[in-house]
Amino acid sequence: MTDRLLTVEETAKVLGTTARFPRRLIAERRIVFVRVGRHVRIPESALTAFVAANTVEPIVTNRRRLGVVA
């Protein structure tokens, strides 16, 4: 096993949120997690996959700016 297990607090720090957000993701089963006894850990790969799955790409348009004539 080469995947590092992150605590809820470490996960929150990576995401730039409070610990409440990763706890909610765990409670809603929206992210993969591991139970180590009574402790909950999130694999780094699961966090990376979660961020990738929820990344929204920008819409690229070829609209001309108002008042600019080409």
PDB file of N, CA and C in Angstrom:
ATOM      1  N   MET A   1       0.844  -1.175   0.000  1.00  0.00           N
ATOM      2  CA  MET A   1       0.000   0.000   0.000  1.00  0.00           C
ATOM      3  C   MET A   1       0.892   1.243   0.000  1.00  0.00           C
ATOM      4  N   THR A   2       0.794   2.033  -1.051  1.00  0.00           N
ATOM      5  CA  THR A   2       1.599   3.239  -1.141  1.00  0.00           C
ATOM      6  C   THR A   2       0.754   4.497  -1.003  1.00  0.00           C
ATOM      7  N   ASP A   3      -0.548   4.330  -0.874  1.00  0.00           N
ATOM      8  CA  ASP A   3      -1.456   5.466  -0.771  1.00  0.00           C
ATOM      9  C   ASP A   3      -1.493   5.980   0.667  1.00  0.00           C
ATOM     10  N   ARG A   4      -1.212   7.248   0.847  1.00  0.00           N
ATOM     11  CA  ARG A   4      -1.220   7.844   2.186  1.00  0.00           C
ATOM     12  C   ARG A   4      -2.660   8.048   2.649  1.00  0.00           C
ATOM     13  N   LEU A   5      -2.927   7.747   3.905  1.00  0.00           N
ATOM     14  CA  LEU A   5      -4.250   7.948   4.488  1.00  0.00           C
ATOM     15  C   LEU A   5      -4.270   9.272   5.240  1.00  0.00           C
ATOM     16  N   LEU A   6      -5.222  10.137   4.887  1.00  0.00           N
ATOM     17  CA  LEU A   6      -5.324  11.462   5.487  1.00  0.00           C
ATOM     18  C   LEU A   6      -6.412  11.499   6.551  1.00  0.00           C
ATOM     19  N   THR A   7      -6.174  12.261   7.589  1.00  0.00           N
ATOM     20  CA  THR A   7      -7.212  12.477   8.592  1.00  0.00           C
ATOM     21  C   THR A   7      -8.239  13.446   8.014  1.00  0.00           C
ATOM     22  N   VAL A   8      -9.344  13.583   8.706  1.00  0.00           N
ATOM     23  CA  VAL A   8     -10.378  14.534   8.278  1.00  0.00           C
ATOM     24  C   VAL A   8      -9.812  15.950   8.274  1.00  0.00           C
ATOM     25  N   GLU A   9      -9.035  16.280   9.262  1.00  0.00           N
ATOM     26  CA  GLU A   9      -8.444  17.616   9.347  1.00  0.00           C
ATOM     27  C   GLU A   9      -7.450  17.862   8.206  1.00  0.00           C
ATOM     28  N   GLU A  10      -6.624  16.865   7.885  1.00  0.00           N
ATOM     29  CA  GLU A  10      -5.688  17.005   6.763  1.00  0.00           C
ATOM     30  C   GLU A  10      -6.436  17.146   5.447  1.00  0.00           C
ATOM     31  N   THR A  11      -7.511  16.401   5.288  1.00  0.00           N
ATOM     32  CA  THR A  11      -8.328  16.488   4.079  1.00  0.00           C
ATOM     33  C   THR A  11      -8.933  17.882   3.952  1.00  0.00           C
ATOM     34  N   ALA A  12      -9.435  18.406   5.056  1.00  0.00           N
ATOM     35  CA  ALA A  12     -10.011  19.747   5.052  1.00  0.00           C
ATOM     36  C   ALA A  12      -8.963  20.793   4.666  1.00  0.00           C
ATOM     37  N   LYS A  13      -7.757  20.622   5.159  1.00  0.00           N
ATOM     38  CA  LYS A  13      -6.692  21.566   4.838  1.00  0.00           C
ATOM     39  C   LYS A  13      -6.365  21.527   3.342  1.00  0.00           C
ATOM     40  N   VAL A  14      -6.299  20.330   2.762  1.00  0.00           N
ATOM     41  CA  VAL A  14      -6.029  20.193   1.320  1.00  0.00           C
ATOM     42  C   VAL A  14      -7.133  20.854   0.509  1.00  0.00           C
ATOM     43  N   LEU A  15      -8.384  20.656   0.928  1.00  0.00           N
ATOM     44  CA  LEU A  15      -9.524  21.227   0.204  1.00  0.00           C
ATOM     45  C   LEU A  15      -9.730  22.709   0.502  1.00  0.00           C
ATOM     46  N   GLY A  16      -9.097  23.209   1.549  1.00  0.00           N
ATOM     47  CA  GLY A  16      -9.270  24.603   1.922  1.00  0.00           C
ATOM     48  C   GLY A  16     -10.614  24.866   2.578  1.00  0.00           C
ATOM     49  N   THR A  17     -11.106  23.891   3.326  1.00  0.00           N
ATOM     50  CA  THR A  17     -12.397  24.014   3.999  1.00  0.00           C
ATOM     51  C   THR A  17     -12.227  23.720   5.488  1.00  0.00           C
ATOM     52  N   THR A  18     -13.335  23.755   6.193  1.00  0.00           N
ATOM     53  CA  THR A  18     -13.314  23.324   7.583  1.00  0.00           C
ATOM     54  C   THR A  18     -13.458  21.801   7.612  1.00  0.00           C
ATOM     55  N   ALA A  19     -13.262  21.197   8.765  1.00  0.00           N
ATOM     56  CA  ALA A  19     -13.386  19.740   8.902  1.00  0.00           C
ATOM     57  C   ALA A  19     -14.822  19.279   8.699  1.00  0.00           C
ATOM     58  N   ARG A  20     -15.753  20.180   8.826  1.00  0.00           N
ATOM     59  CA  ARG A  20     -17.167  19.816   8.664  1.00  0.00           C
ATOM     60  C   ARG A  20     -17.470  19.309   7.250  1.00  0.00           C
ATOM     61  N   PHE A  21     -16.853  19.899   6.231  1.00  0.00           N
ATOM     62  CA  PHE A  21     -17.127  19.502   4.852  1.00  0.00           C
ATOM     63  C   PHE A  21     -16.697  18.055   4.574  1.00  0.00           C
ATOM     64  N   PRO A  22     -15.458  17.634   4.865  1.00  0.00           N
ATOM     65  CA  PRO A  22     -15.109  16.228   4.645  1.00  0.00           C
ATOM     66  C   PRO A  22     -15.962  15.274   5.487  1.00  0.00           C
ATOM     67  N   ARG A  23     -16.322  15.682   6.684  1.00  0.00           N
ATOM     68  CA  ARG A  23     -17.194  14.836   7.516  1.00  0.00           C
ATOM     69  C   ARG A  23     -18.557  14.653   6.847  1.00  0.00           C
ATOM     70  N   ARG A  24     -19.067  15.711   6.227  1.00  0.00           N
ATOM     71  CA  ARG A  24     -20.336  15.603   5.516  1.00  0.00           C
ATOM     72  C   ARG A  24     -20.203  14.697   4.299  1.00  0.00           C
ATOM     73  N   LEU A  25     -19.090  14.809   3.567  1.00  0.00           N
ATOM     74  CA  LEU A  25     -18.853  13.922   2.423  1.00  0.00           C
ATOM     75  C   LEU A  25     -18.841  12.460   2.864  1.00  0.00           C
ATOM     76  N   ILE A  26     -18.240  12.200   3.996  1.00  0.00           N
ATOM     77  CA  ILE A  26     -18.184  10.840   4.537  1.00  0.00           C
ATOM     78  C   ILE A  26     -19.583  10.380   4.940  1.00  0.00           C
ATOM     79  N   ALA A  27     -20.313  11.216   5.648  1.00  0.00           N
ATOM     80  CA  ALA A  27     -21.657  10.855   6.117  1.00  0.00           C
ATOM     81  C   ALA A  27     -22.604  10.582   4.956  1.00  0.00           C
ATOM     82  N   GLU A  28     -22.440  11.339   3.862  1.00  0.00           N
ATOM     83  CA  GLU A  28     -23.290  11.170   2.688  1.00  0.00           C
ATOM     84  C   GLU A  28     -22.750  10.133   1.719  1.00  0.00           C
ATOM     85  N   ARG A  29     -21.627   9.497   2.076  1.00  0.00           N
ATOM     86  CA  ARG A  29     -20.977   8.474   1.241  1.00  0.00           C
ATOM     87  C   ARG A  29     -20.626   9.017  -0.152  1.00  0.00           C
ATOM     88  N   ARG A  30     -20.158  10.271  -0.190  1.00  0.00           N
ATOM     89  CA  ARG A  30     -19.789  10.895  -1.457  1.00  0.00           C
ATOM     90  C   ARG A  30     -18.300  10.796  -1.738  1.00  0.00           C
ATOM     91  N   ILE A  31     -17.525  10.250  -0.783  1.00  0.00           N
ATOM     92  CA  ILE A  31     -16.089  10.069  -0.961  1.00  0.00           C
ATOM     93  C   ILE A  31     -15.699   8.731  -0.337  1.00  0.00           C
ATOM     94  N   VAL A  32     -14.705   8.110  -0.910  1.00  0.00           N
ATOM     95  CA  VAL A  32     -14.205   6.831  -0.389  1.00  0.00           C
ATOM     96  C   VAL A  32     -13.462   7.104   0.913  1.00  0.00           C
ATOM     97  N   PHE A  33     -13.681   6.259   1.903  1.00  0.00           N
ATOM     98  CA  PHE A  33     -12.973   6.407   3.170  1.00  0.00           C
ATOM     99  C   PHE A  33     -12.675   5.037   3.751  1.00  0.00           C
ATOM    100  N   VAL A  34     -11.762   5.017   4.717  1.00  0.00           N
ATOM    101  CA  VAL A  34     -11.317   3.781   5.356  1.00  0.00           C
ATOM    102  C   VAL A  34     -11.530   3.934   6.853  1.00  0.00           C
ATOM    103  N   ARG A  35     -12.081   2.911   7.459  1.00  0.00           N
ATOM    104  CA  ARG A  35     -12.208   2.904   8.918  1.00  0.00           C
ATOM    105  C   ARG A  35     -11.027   2.131   9.495  1.00  0.00           C
ATOM    106  N   VAL A  36     -10.300   2.772  10.380  1.00  0.00           N
ATOM    107  CA  VAL A  36      -9.192   2.150  11.081  1.00  0.00           C
ATOM    108  C   VAL A  36      -9.598   2.149  12.554  1.00  0.00           C
ATOM    109  N   GLY A  37     -10.228   1.048  12.958  1.00  0.00           N
ATOM    110  CA  GLY A  37     -10.822   1.024  14.287  1.00  0.00           C
ATOM    111  C   GLY A  37     -11.958   2.023  14.319  1.00  0.00           C
ATOM    112  N   ARG A  38     -11.905   2.957  15.241  1.00  0.00           N
ATOM    113  CA  ARG A  38     -12.942   3.979  15.287  1.00  0.00           C
ATOM    114  C   ARG A  38     -12.563   5.249  14.535  1.00  0.00           C
ATOM    115  N   HIS A  39     -11.367   5.257  13.961  1.00  0.00           N
ATOM    116  CA  HIS A  39     -10.889   6.413  13.215  1.00  0.00           C
ATOM    117  C   HIS A  39     -11.288   6.300  11.745  1.00  0.00           C
ATOM    118  N   VAL A  40     -11.468   7.447  11.117  1.00  0.00           N
ATOM    119  CA  VAL A  40     -11.811   7.492   9.693  1.00  0.00           C
ATOM    120  C   VAL A  40     -10.658   8.165   8.963  1.00  0.00           C
ATOM    121  N   ARG A  41     -10.217   7.556   7.880  1.00  0.00           N
ATOM    122  CA  ARG A  41      -9.138   8.109   7.062  1.00  0.00           C
ATOM    123  C   ARG A  41      -9.580   8.134   5.600  1.00  0.00           C
ATOM    124  N   ILE A  42      -9.056   9.099   4.857  1.00  0.00           N
ATOM    125  CA  ILE A  42      -9.373   9.241   3.444  1.00  0.00           C
ATOM    126  C   ILE A  42      -8.091   9.043   2.646  1.00  0.00           C
ATOM    127  N   PRO A  43      -8.069   8.052   1.739  1.00  0.00           N
ATOM    128  CA  PRO A  43      -6.875   7.846   0.916  1.00  0.00           C
ATOM    129  C   PRO A  43      -6.632   9.052   0.003  1.00  0.00           C
ATOM    130  N   GLU A  44      -5.382   9.402  -0.200  1.00  0.00           N
ATOM    131  CA  GLU A  44      -5.045  10.522  -1.090  1.00  0.00           C
ATOM    132  C   GLU A  44      -5.622  10.319  -2.479  1.00  0.00           C
ATOM    133  N   SER A  45      -5.590   9.082  -2.966  1.00  0.00           N
ATOM    134  CA  SER A  45      -6.122   8.812  -4.303  1.00  0.00           C
ATOM    135  C   SER A  45      -7.623   9.071  -4.366  1.00  0.00           C
ATOM    136  N   ALA A  46      -8.347   8.793  -3.279  1.00  0.00           N
ATOM    137  CA  ALA A  46      -9.788   9.063  -3.238  1.00  0.00           C
ATOM    138  C   ALA A  46     -10.041  10.569  -3.262  1.00  0.00           C
ATOM    139  N   LEU A  47      -9.216  11.327  -2.573  1.00  0.00           N
ATOM    140  CA  LEU A  47      -9.366  12.776  -2.562  1.00  0.00           C
ATOM    141  C   LEU A  47      -9.077  13.347  -3.955  1.00  0.00           C
ATOM    142  N   THR A  48      -8.030  12.850  -4.589  1.00  0.00           N
ATOM    143  CA  THR A  48      -7.696  13.284  -5.947  1.00  0.00           C
ATOM    144  C   THR A  48      -8.827  12.951  -6.915  1.00  0.00           C
ATOM    145  N   ALA A  49      -9.379  11.748  -6.797  1.00  0.00           N
ATOM    146  CA  ALA A  49     -10.488  11.332  -7.667  1.00  0.00           C
ATOM    147  C   ALA A  49     -11.729  12.180  -7.420  1.00  0.00           C
ATOM    148  N   PHE A  50     -12.007  12.505  -6.157  1.00  0.00           N
ATOM    149  CA  PHE A  50     -13.158  13.335  -5.824  1.00  0.00           C
ATOM    150  C   PHE A  50     -13.021  14.716  -6.461  1.00  0.00           C
ATOM    151  N   VAL A  51     -11.854  15.319  -6.329  1.00  0.00           N
ATOM    152  CA  VAL A  51     -11.627  16.640  -6.904  1.00  0.00           C
ATOM    153  C   VAL A  51     -11.738  16.581  -8.430  1.00  0.00           C
ATOM    154  N   ALA A  52     -11.159  15.556  -9.048  1.00  0.00           N
ATOM    155  CA  ALA A  52     -11.222  15.426 -10.506  1.00  0.00           C
ATOM    156  C   ALA A  52     -12.662  15.235 -10.984  1.00  0.00           C
ATOM    157  N   ALA A  53     -13.437  14.442 -10.274  1.00  0.00           N
ATOM    158  CA  ALA A  53     -14.820  14.173 -10.670  1.00  0.00           C
ATOM    159  C   ALA A  53     -15.710  15.406 -10.509  1.00  0.00           C
ATOM    160  N   ASN A  54     -15.333  16.319  -9.644  1.00  0.00           N
ATOM    161  CA  ASN A  54     -16.157  17.501  -9.389  1.00  0.00           C
ATOM    162  C   ASN A  54     -15.583  18.780  -9.987  1.00  0.00           C
ATOM    163  N   THR A  55     -14.585  18.636 -10.837  1.00  0.00           N
ATOM    164  CA  THR A  55     -13.995  19.787 -11.500  1.00  0.00           C
ATOM    165  C   THR A  55     -14.853  20.165 -12.697  1.00  0.00           C
ATOM    166  N   VAL A  56     -15.203  21.424 -12.784  1.00  0.00           N
ATOM    167  CA  VAL A  56     -16.030  21.923 -13.878  1.00  0.00           C
ATOM    168  C   VAL A  56     -15.136  22.710 -14.825  1.00  0.00           C
ATOM    169  N   GLU A  57     -15.114  22.283 -16.073  1.00  0.00           N
ATOM    170  CA  GLU A  57     -14.299  22.952 -17.085  1.00  0.00           C
ATOM    171  C   GLU A  57     -15.030  24.203 -17.579  1.00  0.00           C
ATOM    172  N   PRO A  58     -14.292  25.259 -17.904  1.00  0.00           N
ATOM    173  CA  PRO A  58     -14.942  26.476 -18.396  1.00  0.00           C
ATOM    174  C   PRO A  58     -15.487  26.277 -19.810  1.00  0.00           C
ATOM    175  N   ILE A  59     -16.512  27.048 -20.124  1.00  0.00           N
ATOM    176  CA  ILE A  59     -17.085  27.019 -21.467  1.00  0.00           C
ATOM    177  C   ILE A  59     -16.290  27.994 -22.313  1.00  0.00           C
ATOM    178  N   VAL A  60     -15.825  27.524 -23.460  1.00  0.00           N
ATOM    179  CA  VAL A  60     -15.051  28.375 -24.355  1.00  0.00           C
ATOM    180  C   VAL A  60     -15.970  28.805 -25.491  1.00  0.00           C
ATOM    181  N   THR A  61     -16.081  30.099 -25.682  1.00  0.00           N
ATOM    182  CA  THR A  61     -16.913  30.627 -26.763  1.00  0.00           C
ATOM    183  C   THR A  61     -16.078  31.519 -27.659  1.00  0.00           C
ATOM    184  N   ASN A  62     -16.554  31.715 -28.848  1.00  0.00           N
ATOM    185  CA  ASN A  62     -15.871  32.589 -29.812  1.00  0.00           C
ATOM    186  C   ASN A  62     -16.672  33.876 -30.004  1.00  0.00           C
ATOM    187  N   ARG A  63     -17.270  34.358 -28.948  1.00  0.00           N
ATOM    188  CA  ARG A  63     -18.092  35.556 -29.037  1.00  0.00           C
ATOM    189  C   ARG A  63     -17.207  36.783 -29.198  1.00  0.00           C
ATOM    190  N   ARG A  64     -17.680  37.676 -30.018  1.00  0.00           N
ATOM    191  CA  ARG A  64     -16.970  38.945 -30.176  1.00  0.00           C
ATOM    192  C   ARG A  64     -17.411  39.888 -29.088  1.00  0.00           C
ATOM    193  N   ARG A  65     -16.502  40.720 -28.676  1.00  0.00           N
ATOM    194  CA  ARG A  65     -16.845  41.723 -27.659  1.00  0.00           C
ATOM    195  C   ARG A  65     -17.738  42.788 -28.302  1.00  0.00           C
ATOM    196  N   LEU A  66     -18.609  43.325 -27.517  1.00  0.00           N
ATOM    197  CA  LEU A  66     -19.499  44.379 -28.030  1.00  0.00           C
ATOM    198  C   LEU A  66     -18.696  45.599 -28.456  1.00  0.00           C
ATOM    199  N   GLY A  67     -19.019  46.126 -29.617  1.00  0.00           N
ATOM    200  CA  GLY A  67     -18.352  47.336 -30.091  1.00  0.00           C
ATOM    201  C   GLY A  67     -17.046  47.082 -30.802  1.00  0.00           C
ATOM    202  N   VAL A  68     -16.587  45.835 -30.870  1.00  0.00           N
ATOM    203  CA  VAL A  68     -15.343  45.523 -31.557  1.00  0.00           C
ATOM    204  C   VAL A  68     -15.694  44.921 -32.910  1.00  0.00           C
ATOM    205  N   VAL A  69     -15.205  45.514 -33.965  1.00  0.00           N
ATOM    206  CA  VAL A  69     -15.466  45.013 -35.307  1.00  0.00           C
ATOM    207  C   VAL A  69     -14.193  44.456 -35.876  1.00  0.00           C
ATOM    208  N   ALA A  70     -14.273  43.242 -36.372  1.00  0.00           N
ATOM    209  CA  ALA A  70     -13.058  42.601 -36.893  1.00  0.00           C
ATOM    210  C   ALA A  70     -12.958  42.768 -38.377  1.00  0.00           C
TER     211      ALA A  70
END
